[in-house]
Amino acid sequence: MDEPQALSTSDGRVRARYWLETGDDPRRVAEVIAGEQSSGTFTAVPGETAALKERSGARVERVDVIGHTQSPSLPSRLVAQRYTQCVLELSWPVANFGHSLPNLMATLAGNLFELRQVSGLRVLDLAVPQAFAESCPGPAFGIDGTRALAGVATGPLIGTIIKPSVGLSPQETAETVRQLIAGGIDFIKDDELQADGPHCPFDERVRAVMAVVHDAAERTGRKPMVAFNLTGEVDEMRRRHDLVLSLGGSCVMVSLNSVGLTGLLALRRHAQLPIHAHRNGWGYLSRCPALGWDYAPWQALWRLAGADHLHVNGLANKFSESDDSVLAAARAVLRPLLPGAPMYAMPVFSSGQTGLQAAPTYAALGTTDLIHAAGGGILGHPGGIAAGVAAMRQAWQAAVSGVPLGQHARVHPELAQALEVW
């Protein structure tokens, strides 16, 4: 999907934009969707008066036809000679769901995907009123708070992911962290698959890693940010957060699709540390172009719920997502949600990343307010971990300075060596 122009709301209503495909009259289907997602059902019922519909019914704001196709994008019970594709905009009064993110989610992305008249539907954009946004917790730290805790005032946070993903003991994990810190890393995170398994229990891992972090801080005065994956049930996440906090940690990580909006909200209202939000599972919400979500509306919900960092994939990634889609996601995260409630979060670039992506990422975004996390791109450097960190940093220095990577490598041996394997 093309990146749509951002929605705005000035009348106190929540607005959402969709890509819709149907074999029926799209304007009639728009009214069906509006009814399904507010006051209506498949037939008239007592109590659904004109006054009630005026007060609580969803409103069809726009239906713009953009094309046609001879076959449905998704399996459909409605067989037609032609299927119409259009952009649909709906709005709802906030009173329908109150200041509740989970119930907003049910309203804008509920049963409408399953309607028999629908052969394709995708959420393109979302806008909420100022009062709704201000009632949400939002990020507690965002870009500025993250930079302060990580001790990185300018430039990207050069980061990595502990690899192997699972199987390392707490002591082996701590040894990897020790080498990364010695190499000058800014940010380290658990893999999303590493939480609290018997080979590397959460509590033991945090204690072992934080001992290494504090030892290095005493010697160097520098304390990189480590995001510990505390994904679990709500009480588990709170307890794990408190352990990280008590041991002097500066970040926790959570898998968004595993814990859901209520899980993130509960963690955010409890947390005193930045929340690194991982989007694993995003593909099943987005990969079919005729179904699911664009990133812009999806990330807005998680920012409102309190995510400080949000994964956006990476350029030339190992997955299926295009560079244009990755950049649209990053721009969405960096864009203020509302003028009075910007709720800034930090985009996280990862997935098959090396220093080769530094220049195109910077050229496209024009900012270094991001985390660039490379696993193999750092850990796999032939000169070792410290050389891998140095090479990533040198690549970003070249990108910001506008110096070609090959030219910069002539006077930076770590970068030159990395270019042989990247």
Protein backbone atom coordinates (compact mmCIF):
# COMPACT_ATOMS: atom_id res chain seq x y z
CA MET A 1 0.00 0.00 0.00
CA ASP A 2 1.16 3.56 -0.63
CA GLU A 3 1.83 5.64 2.47
CA PRO A 4 -1.42 7.61 3.01
CA GLN A 5 -1.66 11.23 4.02
CA ALA A 6 -1.98 11.33 7.81
CA LEU A 7 -5.45 11.64 9.25
CA SER A 8 -6.33 14.37 11.71
CA THR A 9 -9.25 14.86 14.05
CA SER A 10 -10.66 18.15 15.23
CA ASP A 11 -14.27 17.28 16.10
CA GLY A 12 -13.66 15.00 19.07
CA ARG A 13 -14.21 11.81 17.04
CA VAL A 14 -11.84 8.93 16.40
CA ARG A 15 -11.15 8.45 12.69
CA ALA A 16 -9.76 5.48 10.79
CA ARG A 17 -8.95 4.96 7.15
CA TYR A 18 -9.14 1.59 5.38
CA TRP A 19 -8.36 0.02 2.04
CA LEU A 20 -11.53 -1.89 1.15
CA GLU A 21 -12.32 -4.36 -1.62
CA THR A 22 -15.85 -5.63 -2.20
CA GLY A 23 -17.99 -7.26 -4.87
CA ASP A 24 -20.97 -5.22 -3.67
CA ASP A 25 -21.75 -1.51 -3.92
CA PRO A 26 -18.88 -0.02 -1.86
CA ARG A 27 -21.07 2.71 -0.38
CA ARG A 28 -23.60 0.16 0.79
CA VAL A 29 -20.80 -1.98 2.26
CA ALA A 30 -19.36 1.09 3.98
CA GLU A 31 -22.68 1.52 5.80
CA VAL A 32 -22.71 -2.18 6.70
CA ILE A 33 -19.22 -1.85 8.21
CA ALA A 34 -20.19 1.32 10.06
CA GLY A 35 -23.20 -0.44 11.54
CA GLU A 36 -21.26 -3.59 12.44
CA GLN A 37 -18.64 -1.54 14.26
CA SER A 38 -21.10 0.61 16.22
CA SER A 39 -24.82 0.38 16.86
CA GLY A 40 -26.09 -1.90 14.09
CA THR A 41 -26.44 -5.58 13.28
CA PHE A 42 -27.56 -7.56 10.20
CA THR A 43 -31.19 -6.51 10.62
CA ALA A 44 -33.23 -3.77 12.23
CA VAL A 45 -33.83 -4.33 15.96
CA PRO A 46 -35.98 -2.55 18.52
CA GLY A 47 -34.14 0.23 20.28
CA GLU A 48 -31.95 1.27 17.36
CA THR A 49 -33.73 4.55 16.96
CA ALA A 50 -32.70 7.43 14.74
CA ALA A 51 -31.64 9.32 17.86
CA LEU A 52 -29.44 6.44 19.05
CA LYS A 53 -27.82 6.08 15.62
CA GLU A 54 -27.14 9.81 15.52
CA ARG A 55 -25.56 9.64 18.96
CA SER A 56 -23.58 6.38 18.71
CA GLY A 57 -23.49 5.20 15.11
CA ALA A 58 -20.24 5.16 13.19
CA ARG A 59 -20.17 7.74 10.42
CA VAL A 60 -19.01 7.08 6.86
CA GLU A 61 -16.83 10.10 6.12
CA ARG A 62 -15.50 9.13 2.68
CA VAL A 63 -15.64 6.38 0.09
CA ASP A 64 -13.19 6.96 -2.77
CA VAL A 65 -13.10 4.34 -5.53
CA ILE A 66 -9.51 3.70 -6.65
CA GLY A 67 -9.75 0.62 -8.88
CA HIS A 68 -11.37 -2.66 -9.88
CA THR A 69 -10.36 -6.29 -10.23
CA GLN A 70 -12.00 -9.37 -11.74
CA SER A 71 -11.23 -11.71 -8.85
CA PRO A 72 -11.36 -11.27 -5.08
CA SER A 73 -8.14 -10.76 -3.16
CA LEU A 74 -9.39 -12.98 -0.34
CA PRO A 75 -11.76 -15.97 -0.35
CA SER A 76 -15.26 -14.54 -0.38
CA ARG A 77 -18.79 -15.93 -0.10
CA LEU A 78 -20.00 -13.06 -2.26
CA VAL A 79 -19.41 -13.97 -5.91
CA ALA A 80 -19.38 -10.99 -8.28
CA GLN A 81 -18.41 -10.12 -11.83
CA ARG A 82 -16.21 -7.28 -10.61
CA TYR A 83 -14.66 -6.26 -7.30
CA THR A 84 -14.26 -2.61 -6.42
CA GLN A 85 -11.30 -1.29 -4.44
CA CYS A 86 -11.66 1.95 -2.52
CA VAL A 87 -10.42 4.02 0.40
CA LEU A 88 -12.94 4.15 3.23
CA GLU A 89 -12.86 6.60 6.13
CA LEU A 90 -15.00 6.04 9.21
CA SER A 91 -15.39 7.98 12.45
CA TRP A 92 -16.81 7.19 15.88
CA PRO A 93 -17.74 9.19 18.95
CA VAL A 94 -15.30 8.50 21.79
CA ALA A 95 -18.27 7.80 24.04
CA ASN A 96 -18.78 4.47 22.24
CA PHE A 97 -15.69 2.98 23.90
CA GLY A 98 -14.49 5.59 26.37
CA HIS A 99 -10.81 6.30 26.95
CA SER A 100 -9.95 2.63 26.49
CA LEU A 101 -7.29 1.42 24.05
CA PRO A 102 -8.42 -2.25 24.10
CA ASN A 103 -11.99 -1.25 23.27
CA LEU A 104 -10.80 1.19 20.63
CA MET A 105 -8.94 -1.73 19.07
CA ALA A 106 -12.13 -3.83 19.04
CA THR A 107 -13.96 -0.98 17.35
CA LEU A 108 -11.55 -0.11 14.57
CA ALA A 109 -10.28 -3.64 13.89
CA GLY A 110 -12.95 -6.10 14.99
CA ASN A 111 -15.49 -8.14 13.05
CA LEU A 112 -15.34 -5.96 9.95
CA PHE A 113 -12.57 -8.17 8.49
CA GLU A 114 -14.97 -11.13 8.50
CA LEU A 115 -18.00 -9.61 6.78
CA ARG A 116 -19.11 -11.61 3.74
CA GLN A 117 -19.26 -8.45 1.61
CA VAL A 118 -15.56 -7.84 2.23
CA SER A 119 -12.98 -9.46 -0.05
CA GLY A 120 -10.11 -7.30 1.21
CA LEU A 121 -9.64 -4.89 4.11
CA ARG A 122 -6.60 -3.18 5.59
CA VAL A 123 -6.27 -0.49 8.30
CA LEU A 124 -4.32 2.40 6.77
CA ASP A 125 -4.41 5.17 9.36
CA LEU A 126 -5.79 6.24 12.72
CA ALA A 127 -6.35 9.57 14.45
CA VAL A 128 -7.62 10.13 17.98
CA PRO A 129 -8.70 13.37 19.66
CA GLN A 130 -6.33 15.27 21.92
CA ALA A 131 -8.27 14.36 25.07
CA PHE A 132 -8.13 10.65 24.23
CA ALA A 133 -4.37 10.76 23.63
CA GLU A 134 -3.77 12.67 26.86
CA SER A 135 -5.70 10.03 28.80
CA CYS A 136 -3.24 7.36 27.63
CA PRO A 137 0.07 6.84 29.43
CA GLY A 138 2.27 7.16 26.35
CA PRO A 139 6.05 6.68 26.39
CA ALA A 140 7.66 7.66 29.70
CA PHE A 141 11.15 8.09 28.23
CA GLY A 142 11.03 8.20 24.43
CA ILE A 143 14.00 9.57 22.53
CA ASP A 144 15.37 12.09 25.04
CA GLY A 145 15.02 9.80 28.05
CA THR A 146 16.64 6.91 26.22
CA ARG A 147 19.59 9.04 25.17
CA ALA A 148 20.06 10.28 28.74
CA LEU A 149 20.04 6.80 30.28
CA ALA A 150 22.27 5.31 27.57
CA GLY A 151 24.69 8.23 27.72
CA VAL A 152 24.47 8.85 23.97
CA ALA A 153 23.74 12.53 23.33
CA THR A 154 24.15 12.44 19.55
CA GLY A 155 24.25 9.89 16.77
CA PRO A 156 22.39 6.59 16.62
CA LEU A 157 22.54 4.11 19.46
CA ILE A 158 24.71 1.31 18.11
CA GLY A 159 23.12 -1.87 19.37
CA THR A 160 23.12 -5.62 19.10
CA ILE A 161 21.14 -8.71 20.04
CA ILE A 162 22.56 -11.48 22.18
CA LYS A 163 23.25 -14.45 19.92
CA PRO A 164 22.81 -17.42 19.88
CA SER A 165 19.15 -16.58 20.42
CA VAL A 166 18.70 -19.30 23.05
CA GLY A 167 20.96 -21.90 24.61
CA LEU A 168 23.54 -19.70 26.30
CA SER A 169 23.82 -19.93 30.08
CA PRO A 170 23.57 -16.78 32.25
CA GLN A 171 27.37 -16.81 32.58
CA GLU A 172 27.90 -17.20 28.83
CA THR A 173 25.43 -14.38 28.20
CA ALA A 174 27.28 -12.17 30.67
CA GLU A 175 30.59 -12.92 28.98
CA THR A 176 29.17 -11.82 25.62
CA VAL A 177 27.89 -8.64 27.26
CA ARG A 178 31.33 -8.06 28.79
CA GLN A 179 32.95 -8.20 25.36
CA LEU A 180 30.30 -5.93 23.85
CA ILE A 181 30.76 -3.33 26.58
CA ALA A 182 34.53 -3.51 26.18
CA GLY A 183 33.97 -2.86 22.49
CA GLY A 184 32.00 0.32 23.16
CA ILE A 185 28.43 -0.82 22.43
CA ASP A 186 25.56 1.55 23.32
CA PHE A 187 22.61 -0.85 23.49
CA ILE A 188 22.23 -4.59 24.06
CA LYS A 189 18.99 -6.55 23.97
CA ASP A 190 17.82 -10.07 24.61
CA ASP A 191 16.47 -11.95 21.64
CA GLU A 192 12.68 -12.21 21.69
CA LEU A 193 13.05 -15.98 22.08
CA GLN A 194 15.07 -15.61 25.26
CA ALA A 195 12.84 -14.98 28.26
CA ASP A 196 12.89 -17.35 31.23
CA GLY A 197 13.89 -20.79 29.98
CA PRO A 198 15.61 -23.38 32.16
CA HIS A 199 18.98 -22.94 30.41
CA CYS A 200 19.02 -19.20 31.12
CA PRO A 201 16.53 -18.21 33.85
CA PHE A 202 15.57 -14.55 33.83
CA ASP A 203 16.69 -13.76 37.38
CA GLU A 204 20.07 -15.44 37.00
CA ARG A 205 20.66 -13.81 33.63
CA VAL A 206 19.86 -10.31 34.92
CA ARG A 207 22.10 -10.73 37.97
CA ALA A 208 25.02 -12.04 35.91
CA VAL A 209 24.70 -9.38 33.21
CA MET A 210 24.23 -6.46 35.61
CA ALA A 211 27.32 -7.52 37.57
CA VAL A 212 29.28 -7.15 34.33
CA VAL A 213 27.61 -3.81 33.54
CA HIS A 214 28.46 -2.37 36.97
CA ASP A 215 32.02 -3.68 36.86
CA ALA A 216 32.58 -1.94 33.53
CA ALA A 217 30.89 1.26 34.75
CA GLU A 218 33.20 1.43 37.76
CA ARG A 219 36.23 1.16 35.49
CA THR A 220 35.11 3.33 32.58
CA GLY A 221 32.29 5.51 33.89
CA ARG A 222 30.10 4.26 31.03
CA LYS A 223 26.94 2.19 31.40
CA PRO A 224 25.33 0.99 28.18
CA MET A 225 21.61 0.22 28.08
CA VAL A 226 20.59 -3.44 28.32
CA ALA A 227 17.00 -4.43 27.47
CA PHE A 228 16.02 -7.59 29.34
CA ASN A 229 13.15 -9.56 27.81
CA LEU A 230 10.59 -9.84 30.62
CA THR A 231 7.68 -11.02 28.44
CA GLY A 232 5.26 -13.09 30.50
CA GLU A 233 2.09 -12.80 32.52
CA VAL A 234 1.40 -9.40 34.06
CA ASP A 235 2.52 -10.27 37.59
CA GLU A 236 5.66 -11.91 36.21
CA MET A 237 6.49 -8.82 34.15
CA ARG A 238 6.05 -6.50 37.11
CA ARG A 239 8.26 -8.65 39.31
CA ARG A 240 10.92 -8.98 36.61
CA HIS A 241 10.87 -5.23 36.00
CA ASP A 242 11.40 -4.62 39.70
CA LEU A 243 14.39 -6.96 39.74
CA VAL A 244 16.00 -5.13 36.80
CA LEU A 245 15.32 -1.80 38.50
CA SER A 246 16.71 -2.95 41.86
CA LEU A 247 19.92 -4.13 40.19
CA GLY A 248 20.46 -0.80 38.46
CA GLY A 249 19.24 -1.79 35.01
CA SER A 250 18.04 0.83 32.56
CA CYS A 251 15.62 -0.92 30.15
CA VAL A 252 13.15 -3.78 29.82
CA MET A 253 11.84 -5.46 26.68
CA VAL A 254 8.46 -6.94 25.87
CA SER A 255 6.94 -8.79 22.89
CA LEU A 256 3.86 -6.74 22.00
CA ASN A 257 1.82 -9.38 20.20
CA SER A 258 2.40 -11.84 23.04
CA VAL A 259 1.22 -9.61 25.90
CA GLY A 260 -1.38 -7.48 24.08
CA LEU A 261 -2.46 -3.93 24.78
CA THR A 262 -3.62 -4.66 28.32
CA GLY A 263 -0.29 -6.31 29.12
CA LEU A 264 1.69 -3.32 27.87
CA LEU A 265 -0.62 -0.88 29.65
CA ALA A 266 -0.20 -2.76 32.93
CA LEU A 267 3.58 -2.80 32.52
CA ARG A 268 3.74 0.87 31.53
CA ARG A 269 1.71 2.01 34.54
CA HIS A 270 4.06 0.05 36.80
CA ALA A 271 7.39 0.65 35.07
CA GLN A 272 10.12 3.09 36.01
CA LEU A 273 12.32 2.05 33.08
CA PRO A 274 12.08 2.49 29.29
CA ILE A 275 10.06 -0.18 27.50
CA HIS A 276 11.70 -1.67 24.42
CA ALA A 277 8.77 -2.96 22.36
CA HIS A 278 9.40 -5.85 19.96
CA ARG A 279 6.93 -6.46 17.14
CA ASN A 280 7.64 -10.19 16.51
CA GLY A 281 4.62 -11.65 14.76
CA TRP A 282 4.10 -8.49 12.73
CA GLY A 283 4.12 -10.51 9.50
CA TYR A 284 0.84 -12.27 10.23
CA LEU A 285 -0.81 -8.87 10.68
CA SER A 286 0.66 -7.22 7.63
CA ARG A 287 2.16 -9.47 4.97
CA CYS A 288 -0.98 -9.92 2.89
CA PRO A 289 -1.52 -6.55 1.17
CA ALA A 290 -5.29 -7.06 1.15
CA LEU A 291 -5.64 -7.86 4.85
CA GLY A 292 -4.50 -6.55 8.21
CA TRP A 293 -2.64 -3.40 9.11
CA ASP A 294 -0.32 -0.74 7.83
CA TYR A 295 2.31 0.07 10.44
CA ALA A 296 1.28 3.69 11.06
CA PRO A 297 -2.04 2.98 12.83
CA TRP A 298 -0.69 -0.12 14.58
CA GLN A 299 2.29 1.64 16.11
CA ALA A 300 0.09 4.54 17.20
CA LEU A 301 -1.81 2.23 19.55
CA TRP A 302 1.40 0.93 21.11
CA ARG A 303 2.84 4.41 21.52
CA LEU A 304 -0.34 5.51 23.22
CA ALA A 305 0.00 2.46 25.49
CA GLY A 306 3.56 3.39 26.47
CA ALA A 307 6.19 1.90 24.13
CA ASP A 308 9.45 3.88 24.21
CA HIS A 309 11.20 1.97 21.40
CA LEU A 310 9.44 0.30 18.45
CA HIS A 311 10.95 -2.13 15.96
CA VAL A 312 10.56 -1.18 12.29
CA ASN A 313 12.67 -3.91 10.60
CA GLY A 314 15.64 -2.61 8.58
CA LEU A 315 16.75 -1.74 5.07
CA ALA A 316 17.88 -4.70 2.94
CA ASN A 317 16.52 -6.93 5.70
CA LYS A 318 16.42 -10.72 5.86
CA PHE A 319 12.63 -10.75 5.79
CA SER A 320 10.09 -9.99 3.06
CA GLU A 321 9.42 -6.31 3.81
CA SER A 322 10.43 -3.70 1.23
CA ASP A 323 12.70 -0.77 2.02
CA ASP A 324 9.87 1.67 1.30
CA SER A 325 7.68 -0.07 3.87
CA VAL A 326 10.47 -0.02 6.47
CA LEU A 327 11.06 3.69 5.97
CA ALA A 328 7.33 4.45 6.14
CA ALA A 329 7.24 2.59 9.47
CA ALA A 330 10.19 4.55 10.84
CA ARG A 331 8.70 7.86 9.76
CA ALA A 332 5.44 6.92 11.47
CA VAL A 333 7.25 6.26 14.75
CA LEU A 334 9.15 9.56 14.52
CA ARG A 335 6.04 11.58 13.66
CA PRO A 336 4.20 13.32 16.53
CA LEU A 337 0.86 11.69 17.27
CA LEU A 338 -0.66 15.09 18.03
CA PRO A 339 0.83 18.59 18.38
CA GLY A 340 -0.02 18.72 22.09
CA ALA A 341 0.72 15.04 22.75
CA PRO A 342 3.65 14.04 20.51
CA MET A 343 4.52 10.92 22.57
CA TYR A 344 7.84 10.47 20.79
CA ALA A 345 9.26 6.97 20.51
CA MET A 346 12.53 5.71 19.07
CA PRO A 347 12.53 3.47 15.97
CA VAL A 348 14.66 0.34 16.16
CA PHE A 349 16.29 -0.95 12.97
CA SER A 350 17.24 -4.62 13.03
CA SER A 351 17.17 -7.81 10.89
CA GLY A 352 20.26 -8.59 8.86
CA GLN A 353 21.78 -5.19 9.55
CA THR A 354 25.38 -4.09 8.93
CA GLY A 355 27.08 -0.76 8.40
CA LEU A 356 26.04 -0.93 4.74
CA GLN A 357 22.58 0.27 5.76
CA ALA A 358 23.80 3.31 7.69
CA ALA A 359 24.08 5.73 4.75
CA PRO A 360 20.75 4.89 3.06
CA THR A 361 18.94 4.91 6.42
CA TYR A 362 20.31 8.34 7.31
CA ALA A 363 19.72 9.71 3.81
CA ALA A 364 16.07 8.64 3.91
CA LEU A 365 15.26 9.80 7.46
CA GLY A 366 17.62 12.74 7.98
CA THR A 367 17.98 11.89 11.67
CA THR A 368 20.05 9.72 13.98
CA ASP A 369 17.27 9.42 16.56
CA LEU A 370 17.22 5.65 16.25
CA ILE A 371 18.68 2.40 17.49
CA HIS A 372 20.60 0.44 14.86
CA ALA A 373 20.85 -3.14 16.13
CA ALA A 374 23.14 -5.55 14.30
CA GLY A 375 23.59 -9.11 15.50
CA GLY A 376 25.81 -10.91 13.01
CA GLY A 377 26.88 -7.54 11.63
CA ILE A 378 28.77 -6.96 14.89
CA LEU A 379 29.28 -10.38 16.46
CA GLY A 380 30.44 -11.86 13.15
CA HIS A 381 33.23 -9.35 12.48
CA PRO A 382 36.45 -11.24 11.68
CA GLY A 383 38.38 -8.99 14.05
CA GLY A 384 36.09 -9.73 16.99
CA ILE A 385 33.28 -7.95 18.79
CA ALA A 386 35.13 -4.70 19.53
CA ALA A 387 36.06 -4.38 15.87
CA GLY A 388 32.45 -5.09 14.91
CA VAL A 389 31.17 -2.27 17.14
CA ALA A 390 33.83 0.09 15.83
CA ALA A 391 32.98 -0.72 12.22
CA MET A 392 29.28 0.00 12.76
CA ARG A 393 30.09 3.31 14.42
CA GLN A 394 32.51 4.24 11.65
CA ALA A 395 29.86 3.47 9.03
CA TRP A 396 27.48 5.89 10.74
CA GLN A 397 30.16 8.54 11.03
CA ALA A 398 30.66 8.27 7.28
CA ALA A 399 26.91 8.43 6.66
CA VAL A 400 26.39 11.58 8.74
CA SER A 401 29.47 13.25 7.25
CA GLY A 402 28.45 12.37 3.70
CA VAL A 403 31.68 10.48 3.07
CA PRO A 404 31.51 7.38 0.83
CA LEU A 405 31.93 4.19 2.84
CA GLY A 406 34.90 2.94 0.84
CA GLN A 407 36.71 6.25 1.25
CA HIS A 408 36.09 6.26 5.01
CA ALA A 409 37.38 2.68 5.23
CA ARG A 410 40.81 3.73 3.92
CA VAL A 411 41.64 5.27 7.29
CA HIS A 412 39.51 2.99 9.49
CA PRO A 413 40.83 -0.59 9.45
CA GLU A 414 37.86 -2.05 11.34
CA LEU A 415 35.49 -0.75 8.68
CA ALA A 416 37.78 -1.92 5.88
CA GLN A 417 37.85 -5.42 7.34
CA ALA A 418 34.08 -5.43 7.82
CA LEU A 419 33.47 -4.47 4.19
CA GLU A 420 35.15 -7.70 3.17
CA VAL A 421 32.40 -9.73 4.88
CA TRP A 422 29.32 -7.44 4.96
